[in-house]
Structures are given as C-alpha cells and as structure tokens.
Amino acid sequence: MNMSILLLLIPVSLGLLALFLWVMTWAIRSGQYDDLDSPASRILYDEDADLIPKDARTPNQERLAQQLQKKNSRKEEQ
C-alpha cells in the first residue's frame, strides 16, 4: 500500500519540476529578470515634471522635464 502511492507521487513531482523549469526558462528568455532595480526606484522620480510651468521649475525639475521629453519622443518613434 505504501509503495503504490510512490507510483503516483513520483510522476506528479517530476511533472511539477518540468513545469517549474519551463516557466523559469520562459521568464529568463522573455526578459523578466533583466532590470530588477528600476521598477523599485521609479516611484522616487517625478514623472510630471513637464507639467510644471517653465518659470516655476527648479534646475532639477527642468532636467527631469527634458529627460521625459526625450523618453516620450523615443516611444513615439517606435
């Protein structure tokens, strides 16, 4: 009786292992692990710097607005 359960558990565990390996291979090849730092620090940056009037911007906000304009122009080109 005890040995018969192994005939079920071994194929199930091998199937789960194969599924896990397939998911990990897919995730690595599709670039899911390429950039782990940017999403965590993205919240720290002002994405609305281009909405601030030019005469009210600090030098840092002006630089951020220019970076956003470049980033948006690159997205439009693609």
PDB file of N, CA and C in Angstrom:
ATOM      1  N   MET A   1       0.818  -1.194   0.000  1.00  0.00           N
ATOM      2  CA  MET A   1       0.000   0.000   0.000  1.00  0.00           C
ATOM      3  C   MET A   1       0.864   1.261   0.000  1.00  0.00           C
ATOM      4  N   ASN A   2       1.878   1.278   0.830  1.00  0.00           N
ATOM      5  CA  ASN A   2       2.724   2.465   0.922  1.00  0.00           C
ATOM      6  C   ASN A   2       3.519   2.707  -0.352  1.00  0.00           C
ATOM      7  N   MET A   3       3.922   1.663  -1.006  1.00  0.00           N
ATOM      8  CA  MET A   3       4.719   1.801  -2.217  1.00  0.00           C
ATOM      9  C   MET A   3       3.865   2.243  -3.403  1.00  0.00           C
ATOM     10  N   SER A   4       2.579   1.957  -3.369  1.00  0.00           N
ATOM     11  CA  SER A   4       1.734   2.319  -4.506  1.00  0.00           C
ATOM     12  C   SER A   4       1.536   3.827  -4.616  1.00  0.00           C
ATOM     13  N   ILE A   5       1.624   4.521  -3.493  1.00  0.00           N
ATOM     14  CA  ILE A   5       1.477   5.976  -3.541  1.00  0.00           C
ATOM     15  C   ILE A   5       2.681   6.610  -4.238  1.00  0.00           C
ATOM     16  N   LEU A   6       3.837   5.960  -4.167  1.00  0.00           N
ATOM     17  CA  LEU A   6       5.024   6.464  -4.853  1.00  0.00           C
ATOM     18  C   LEU A   6       4.843   6.437  -6.367  1.00  0.00           C
ATOM     19  N   LEU A   7       4.086   5.462  -6.834  1.00  0.00           N
ATOM     20  CA  LEU A   7       3.825   5.397  -8.274  1.00  0.00           C
ATOM     21  C   LEU A   7       3.019   6.596  -8.755  1.00  0.00           C
ATOM     22  N   LEU A   8       2.324   7.249  -7.862  1.00  0.00           N
ATOM     23  CA  LEU A   8       1.582   8.453  -8.200  1.00  0.00           C
ATOM     24  C   LEU A   8       2.408   9.711  -7.914  1.00  0.00           C
ATOM     25  N   LEU A   9       3.072   9.761  -6.768  1.00  0.00           N
ATOM     26  CA  LEU A   9       3.774  10.962  -6.351  1.00  0.00           C
ATOM     27  C   LEU A   9       5.022  11.262  -7.182  1.00  0.00           C
ATOM     28  N   ILE A  10       5.742  10.264  -7.599  1.00  0.00           N
ATOM     29  CA  ILE A  10       6.963  10.497  -8.382  1.00  0.00           C
ATOM     30  C   ILE A  10       6.635  11.136  -9.730  1.00  0.00           C
ATOM     31  N   PRO A  11       5.698  10.631 -10.516  1.00  0.00           N
ATOM     32  CA  PRO A  11       5.369  11.312 -11.778  1.00  0.00           C
ATOM     33  C   PRO A  11       4.789  12.718 -11.574  1.00  0.00           C
ATOM     34  N   VAL A  12       3.998  12.891 -10.524  1.00  0.00           N
ATOM     35  CA  VAL A  12       3.434  14.218 -10.247  1.00  0.00           C
ATOM     36  C   VAL A  12       4.549  15.201  -9.912  1.00  0.00           C
ATOM     37  N   SER A  13       5.491  14.788  -9.076  1.00  0.00           N
ATOM     38  CA  SER A  13       6.582  15.684  -8.705  1.00  0.00           C
ATOM     39  C   SER A  13       7.497  15.977  -9.902  1.00  0.00           C
ATOM     40  N   LEU A  14       7.726  14.991 -10.757  1.00  0.00           N
ATOM     41  CA  LEU A  14       8.529  15.227 -11.954  1.00  0.00           C
ATOM     42  C   LEU A  14       7.802  16.167 -12.920  1.00  0.00           C
ATOM     43  N   GLY A  15       6.493  16.029 -12.998  1.00  0.00           N
ATOM     44  CA  GLY A  15       5.709  16.937 -13.834  1.00  0.00           C
ATOM     45  C   GLY A  15       5.759  18.364 -13.313  1.00  0.00           C
ATOM     46  N   LEU A  16       5.657  18.539 -11.998  1.00  0.00           N
ATOM     47  CA  LEU A  16       5.759  19.880 -11.409  1.00  0.00           C
ATOM     48  C   LEU A  16       7.155  20.471 -11.610  1.00  0.00           C
ATOM     49  N   LEU A  17       8.174  19.638 -11.508  1.00  0.00           N
ATOM     50  CA  LEU A  17       9.540  20.093 -11.748  1.00  0.00           C
ATOM     51  C   LEU A  17       9.703  20.554 -13.193  1.00  0.00           C
ATOM     52  N   ALA A  18       9.175  19.783 -14.120  1.00  0.00           N
ATOM     53  CA  ALA A  18       9.256  20.153 -15.537  1.00  0.00           C
ATOM     54  C   ALA A  18       8.503  21.451 -15.798  1.00  0.00           C
ATOM     55  N   LEU A  19       7.335  21.621 -15.178  1.00  0.00           N
ATOM     56  CA  LEU A  19       6.568  22.849 -15.328  1.00  0.00           C
ATOM     57  C   LEU A  19       7.334  24.044 -14.769  1.00  0.00           C
ATOM     58  N   PHE A  20       7.929  23.889 -13.600  1.00  0.00           N
ATOM     59  CA  PHE A  20       8.722  24.953 -12.992  1.00  0.00           C
ATOM     60  C   PHE A  20       9.900  25.341 -13.880  1.00  0.00           C
ATOM     61  N   LEU A  21      10.603  24.352 -14.395  1.00  0.00           N
ATOM     62  CA  LEU A  21      11.749  24.643 -15.267  1.00  0.00           C
ATOM     63  C   LEU A  21      11.307  25.355 -16.546  1.00  0.00           C
ATOM     64  N   TRP A  22      10.179  24.954 -17.102  1.00  0.00           N
ATOM     65  CA  TRP A  22       9.666  25.614 -18.307  1.00  0.00           C
ATOM     66  C   TRP A  22       9.304  27.066 -18.016  1.00  0.00           C
ATOM     67  N   VAL A  23       8.636  27.324 -16.881  1.00  0.00           N
ATOM     68  CA  VAL A  23       8.253  28.699 -16.514  1.00  0.00           C
ATOM     69  C   VAL A  23       9.496  29.552 -16.270  1.00  0.00           C
ATOM     70  N   MET A  24      10.486  29.017 -15.590  1.00  0.00           N
ATOM     71  CA  MET A  24      11.720  29.774 -15.340  1.00  0.00           C
ATOM     72  C   MET A  24      12.458  30.062 -16.649  1.00  0.00           C
ATOM     73  N   THR A  25      12.521  29.103 -17.539  1.00  0.00           N
ATOM     74  CA  THR A  25      13.174  29.321 -18.830  1.00  0.00           C
ATOM     75  C   THR A  25      12.441  30.389 -19.625  1.00  0.00           C
ATOM     76  N   TRP A  26      11.129  30.323 -19.643  1.00  0.00           N
ATOM     77  CA  TRP A  26      10.336  31.350 -20.337  1.00  0.00           C
ATOM     78  C   TRP A  26      10.574  32.727 -19.742  1.00  0.00           C
ATOM     79  N   ALA A  27      10.586  32.832 -18.417  1.00  0.00           N
ATOM     80  CA  ALA A  27      10.756  34.117 -17.749  1.00  0.00           C
ATOM     81  C   ALA A  27      12.131  34.711 -18.047  1.00  0.00           C
ATOM     82  N   ILE A  28      13.150  33.898 -18.037  1.00  0.00           N
ATOM     83  CA  ILE A  28      14.500  34.400 -18.301  1.00  0.00           C
ATOM     84  C   ILE A  28      14.644  34.829 -19.755  1.00  0.00           C
ATOM     85  N   ARG A  29      14.137  34.020 -20.681  1.00  0.00           N
ATOM     86  CA  ARG A  29      14.263  34.353 -22.106  1.00  0.00           C
ATOM     87  C   ARG A  29      13.419  35.551 -22.512  1.00  0.00           C
ATOM     88  N   SER A  30      12.313  35.785 -21.823  1.00  0.00           N
ATOM     89  CA  SER A  30      11.453  36.908 -22.192  1.00  0.00           C
ATOM     90  C   SER A  30      11.875  38.202 -21.510  1.00  0.00           C
ATOM     91  N   GLY A  31      12.930  38.167 -20.699  1.00  0.00           N
ATOM     92  CA  GLY A  31      13.461  39.387 -20.110  1.00  0.00           C
ATOM     93  C   GLY A  31      12.817  39.802 -18.799  1.00  0.00           C
ATOM     94  N   GLN A  32      12.171  38.909 -18.119  1.00  0.00           N
ATOM     95  CA  GLN A  32      11.516  39.258 -16.858  1.00  0.00           C
ATOM     96  C   GLN A  32      12.517  39.645 -15.775  1.00  0.00           C
ATOM     97  N   TYR A  33      13.744  39.172 -15.863  1.00  0.00           N
ATOM     98  CA  TYR A  33      14.744  39.439 -14.837  1.00  0.00           C
ATOM     99  C   TYR A  33      15.861  40.362 -15.336  1.00  0.00           C
ATOM    100  N   ASP A  34      15.628  41.081 -16.430  1.00  0.00           N
ATOM    101  CA  ASP A  34      16.677  41.934 -16.978  1.00  0.00           C
ATOM    102  C   ASP A  34      16.986  43.130 -16.083  1.00  0.00           C
ATOM    103  N   ASP A  35      15.961  43.801 -15.577  1.00  0.00           N
ATOM    104  CA  ASP A  35      16.172  45.018 -14.807  1.00  0.00           C
ATOM    105  C   ASP A  35      15.348  44.948 -13.530  1.00  0.00           C
ATOM    106  N   LEU A  36      16.009  44.626 -12.425  1.00  0.00           N
ATOM    107  CA  LEU A  36      15.301  44.479 -11.159  1.00  0.00           C
ATOM    108  C   LEU A  36      15.311  45.752 -10.327  1.00  0.00           C
ATOM    109  N   ASP A  37      16.201  46.707 -10.643  1.00  0.00           N
ATOM    110  CA  ASP A  37      16.341  47.896  -9.807  1.00  0.00           C
ATOM    111  C   ASP A  37      15.440  49.047 -10.230  1.00  0.00           C
ATOM    112  N   SER A  38      15.242  49.242 -11.513  1.00  0.00           N
ATOM    113  CA  SER A  38      14.473  50.398 -11.980  1.00  0.00           C
ATOM    114  C   SER A  38      13.029  50.420 -11.495  1.00  0.00           C
ATOM    115  N   PRO A  39      12.279  49.328 -11.561  1.00  0.00           N
ATOM    116  CA  PRO A  39      10.895  49.407 -11.088  1.00  0.00           C
ATOM    117  C   PRO A  39      10.779  49.807  -9.615  1.00  0.00           C
ATOM    118  N   ALA A  40      11.728  49.387  -8.800  1.00  0.00           N
ATOM    119  CA  ALA A  40      11.667  49.720  -7.380  1.00  0.00           C
ATOM    120  C   ALA A  40      11.968  51.192  -7.125  1.00  0.00           C
ATOM    121  N   SER A  41      12.830  51.790  -7.933  1.00  0.00           N
ATOM    122  CA  SER A  41      13.192  53.184  -7.703  1.00  0.00           C
ATOM    123  C   SER A  41      12.414  54.148  -8.586  1.00  0.00           C
ATOM    124  N   ARG A  42      11.588  53.648  -9.487  1.00  0.00           N
ATOM    125  CA  ARG A  42      10.833  54.514 -10.392  1.00  0.00           C
ATOM    126  C   ARG A  42       9.874  55.429  -9.630  1.00  0.00           C
ATOM    127  N   ILE A  43       9.386  54.971  -8.492  1.00  0.00           N
ATOM    128  CA  ILE A  43       8.435  55.766  -7.718  1.00  0.00           C
ATOM    129  C   ILE A  43       9.094  57.029  -7.148  1.00  0.00           C
ATOM    130  N   LEU A  44      10.405  57.044  -7.053  1.00  0.00           N
ATOM    131  CA  LEU A  44      11.109  58.186  -6.490  1.00  0.00           C
ATOM    132  C   LEU A  44      11.244  59.349  -7.470  1.00  0.00           C
ATOM    133  N   TYR A  45      11.006  59.134  -8.745  1.00  0.00           N
ATOM    134  CA  TYR A  45      11.199  60.164  -9.752  1.00  0.00           C
ATOM    135  C   TYR A  45       9.887  60.846 -10.100  1.00  0.00           C
ATOM    136  N   ASP A  46       9.990  62.130 -10.404  1.00  0.00           N
ATOM    137  CA  ASP A  46       8.811  62.901 -10.805  1.00  0.00           C
ATOM    138  C   ASP A  46       8.527  62.662 -12.274  1.00  0.00           C
ATOM    139  N   GLU A  47       7.408  62.055 -12.561  1.00  0.00           N
ATOM    140  CA  GLU A  47       7.003  61.821 -13.946  1.00  0.00           C
ATOM    141  C   GLU A  47       6.201  62.999 -14.491  1.00  0.00           C
ATOM    142  N   ASP A  48       5.823  63.918 -13.619  1.00  0.00           N
ATOM    143  CA  ASP A  48       5.007  65.039 -14.050  1.00  0.00           C
ATOM    144  C   ASP A  48       5.806  66.345 -14.120  1.00  0.00           C
ATOM    145  N   ALA A  49       7.130  66.249 -14.212  1.00  0.00           N
ATOM    146  CA  ALA A  49       7.961  67.453 -14.242  1.00  0.00           C
ATOM    147  C   ALA A  49       7.664  68.315 -15.463  1.00  0.00           C
ATOM    148  N   ASP A  50       7.195  67.730 -16.559  1.00  0.00           N
ATOM    149  CA  ASP A  50       6.900  68.515 -17.742  1.00  0.00           C
ATOM    150  C   ASP A  50       5.585  69.282 -17.608  1.00  0.00           C
ATOM    151  N   LEU A  51       4.798  69.001 -16.567  1.00  0.00           N
ATOM    152  CA  LEU A  51       3.549  69.717 -16.347  1.00  0.00           C
ATOM    153  C   LEU A  51       3.743  71.008 -15.554  1.00  0.00           C
ATOM    154  N   ILE A  52       4.901  71.159 -14.909  1.00  0.00           N
ATOM    155  CA  ILE A  52       5.191  72.357 -14.131  1.00  0.00           C
ATOM    156  C   ILE A  52       5.564  73.481 -15.100  1.00  0.00           C
ATOM    157  N   PRO A  53       5.001  74.686 -14.934  1.00  0.00           N
ATOM    158  CA  PRO A  53       5.350  75.799 -15.835  1.00  0.00           C
ATOM    159  C   PRO A  53       6.852  76.070 -15.821  1.00  0.00           C
ATOM    160  N   LYS A  54       7.399  76.456 -16.976  1.00  0.00           N
ATOM    161  CA  LYS A  54       8.851  76.627 -17.102  1.00  0.00           C
ATOM    162  C   LYS A  54       9.401  77.657 -16.129  1.00  0.00           C
ATOM    163  N   ASP A  55       8.661  78.732 -15.868  1.00  0.00           N
ATOM    164  CA  ASP A  55       9.179  79.772 -14.975  1.00  0.00           C
ATOM    165  C   ASP A  55       9.141  79.348 -13.499  1.00  0.00           C
ATOM    166  N   ALA A  56       8.451  78.250 -13.164  1.00  0.00           N
ATOM    167  CA  ALA A  56       8.357  77.791 -11.782  1.00  0.00           C
ATOM    168  C   ALA A  56       9.245  76.585 -11.507  1.00  0.00           C
ATOM    169  N   ARG A  57       9.963  76.103 -12.501  1.00  0.00           N
ATOM    170  CA  ARG A  57      10.773  74.895 -12.335  1.00  0.00           C
ATOM    171  C   ARG A  57      12.091  75.197 -11.640  1.00  0.00           C
ATOM    172  N   THR A  58      12.517  74.242 -10.833  1.00  0.00           N
ATOM    173  CA  THR A  58      13.871  74.276 -10.280  1.00  0.00           C
ATOM    174  C   THR A  58      14.796  73.640 -11.328  1.00  0.00           C
ATOM    175  N   PRO A  59      16.098  73.810 -11.188  1.00  0.00           N
ATOM    176  CA  PRO A  59      17.004  73.180 -12.168  1.00  0.00           C
ATOM    177  C   PRO A  59      16.821  71.656 -12.256  1.00  0.00           C
ATOM    178  N   ASN A  60      16.555  71.024 -11.140  1.00  0.00           N
ATOM    179  CA  ASN A  60      16.348  69.578 -11.147  1.00  0.00           C
ATOM    180  C   ASN A  60      15.071  69.223 -11.912  1.00  0.00           C
ATOM    181  N   GLN A  61      14.014  69.982 -11.718  1.00  0.00           N
ATOM    182  CA  GLN A  61      12.763  69.722 -12.428  1.00  0.00           C
ATOM    183  C   GLN A  61      12.913  69.985 -13.927  1.00  0.00           C
ATOM    184  N   GLU A  62      13.720  70.973 -14.284  1.00  0.00           N
ATOM    185  CA  GLU A  62      13.969  71.258 -15.702  1.00  0.00           C
ATOM    186  C   GLU A  62      14.685  70.083 -16.363  1.00  0.00           C
ATOM    187  N   ARG A  63      15.681  69.544 -15.656  1.00  0.00           N
ATOM    188  CA  ARG A  63      16.415  68.391 -16.184  1.00  0.00           C
ATOM    189  C   ARG A  63      15.480  67.190 -16.336  1.00  0.00           C
ATOM    190  N   LEU A  64      14.625  66.959 -15.342  1.00  0.00           N
ATOM    191  CA  LEU A  64      13.681  65.849 -15.424  1.00  0.00           C
ATOM    192  C   LEU A  64      12.704  66.034 -16.576  1.00  0.00           C
ATOM    193  N   ALA A  65      12.247  67.259 -16.798  1.00  0.00           N
ATOM    194  CA  ALA A  65      11.319  67.525 -17.894  1.00  0.00           C
ATOM    195  C   ALA A  65      11.991  67.236 -19.240  1.00  0.00           C
ATOM    196  N   GLN A  66      13.254  67.607 -19.379  1.00  0.00           N
ATOM    197  CA  GLN A  66      13.975  67.326 -20.628  1.00  0.00           C
ATOM    198  C   GLN A  66      14.140  65.824 -20.832  1.00  0.00           C
ATOM    199  N   GLN A  67      14.431  65.105 -19.750  1.00  0.00           N
ATOM    200  CA  GLN A  67      14.563  63.653 -19.866  1.00  0.00           C
ATOM    201  C   GLN A  67      13.237  63.021 -20.271  1.00  0.00           C
ATOM    202  N   LEU A  68      12.140  63.513 -19.721  1.00  0.00           N
ATOM    203  CA  LEU A  68      10.830  62.981 -20.079  1.00  0.00           C
ATOM    204  C   LEU A  68      10.495  63.248 -21.539  1.00  0.00           C
ATOM    205  N   GLN A  69      10.861  64.430 -22.028  1.00  0.00           N
ATOM    206  CA  GLN A  69      10.599  64.747 -23.427  1.00  0.00           C
ATOM    207  C   GLN A  69      11.380  63.814 -24.340  1.00  0.00           C
ATOM    208  N   LYS A  70      12.642  63.549 -23.999  1.00  0.00           N
ATOM    209  CA  LYS A  70      13.450  62.622 -24.791  1.00  0.00           C
ATOM    210  C   LYS A  70      12.856  61.220 -24.760  1.00  0.00           C
ATOM    211  N   LYS A  71      12.447  60.800 -23.566  1.00  0.00           N
ATOM    212  CA  LYS A  71      11.872  59.465 -23.405  1.00  0.00           C
ATOM    213  C   LYS A  71      10.575  59.334 -24.205  1.00  0.00           C
ATOM    214  N   ASN A  72       9.735  60.352 -24.162  1.00  0.00           N
ATOM    215  CA  ASN A  72       8.472  60.315 -24.893  1.00  0.00           C
ATOM    216  C   ASN A  72       8.694  60.348 -26.399  1.00  0.00           C
ATOM    217  N   SER A  73       9.697  61.086 -26.845  1.00  0.00           N
ATOM    218  CA  SER A  73       9.966  61.138 -28.281  1.00  0.00           C
ATOM    219  C   SER A  73      10.491  59.799 -28.784  1.00  0.00           C
ATOM    220  N   ARG A  74      11.276  59.089 -27.946  1.00  0.00           N
ATOM    221  CA  ARG A  74      11.752  57.764 -28.325  1.00  0.00           C
ATOM    222  C   ARG A  74      10.599  56.763 -28.424  1.00  0.00           C
ATOM    223  N   LYS A  75       9.635  56.886 -27.518  1.00  0.00           N
ATOM    224  CA  LYS A  75       8.465  55.993 -27.563  1.00  0.00           C
ATOM    225  C   LYS A  75       7.644  56.238 -28.814  1.00  0.00           C
ATOM    226  N   GLU A  76       7.506  57.506 -29.214  1.00  0.00           N
ATOM    227  CA  GLU A  76       6.719  57.821 -30.410  1.00  0.00           C
ATOM    228  C   GLU A  76       7.395  57.312 -31.666  1.00  0.00           C
ATOM    229  N   GLU A  77       8.736  57.284 -31.680  1.00  0.00           N
ATOM    230  CA  GLU A  77       9.466  56.812 -32.851  1.00  0.00           C
ATOM    231  C   GLU A  77       9.278  55.310 -33.044  1.00  0.00           C
ATOM    232  N   GLN A  78       9.071  54.600 -31.953  1.00  0.00           N
ATOM    233  CA  GLN A  78       8.928  53.140 -32.046  1.00  0.00           C
ATOM    234  C   GLN A  78       7.547  52.841 -32.464  1.00  0.00           C
TER     235      GLN A  78
END
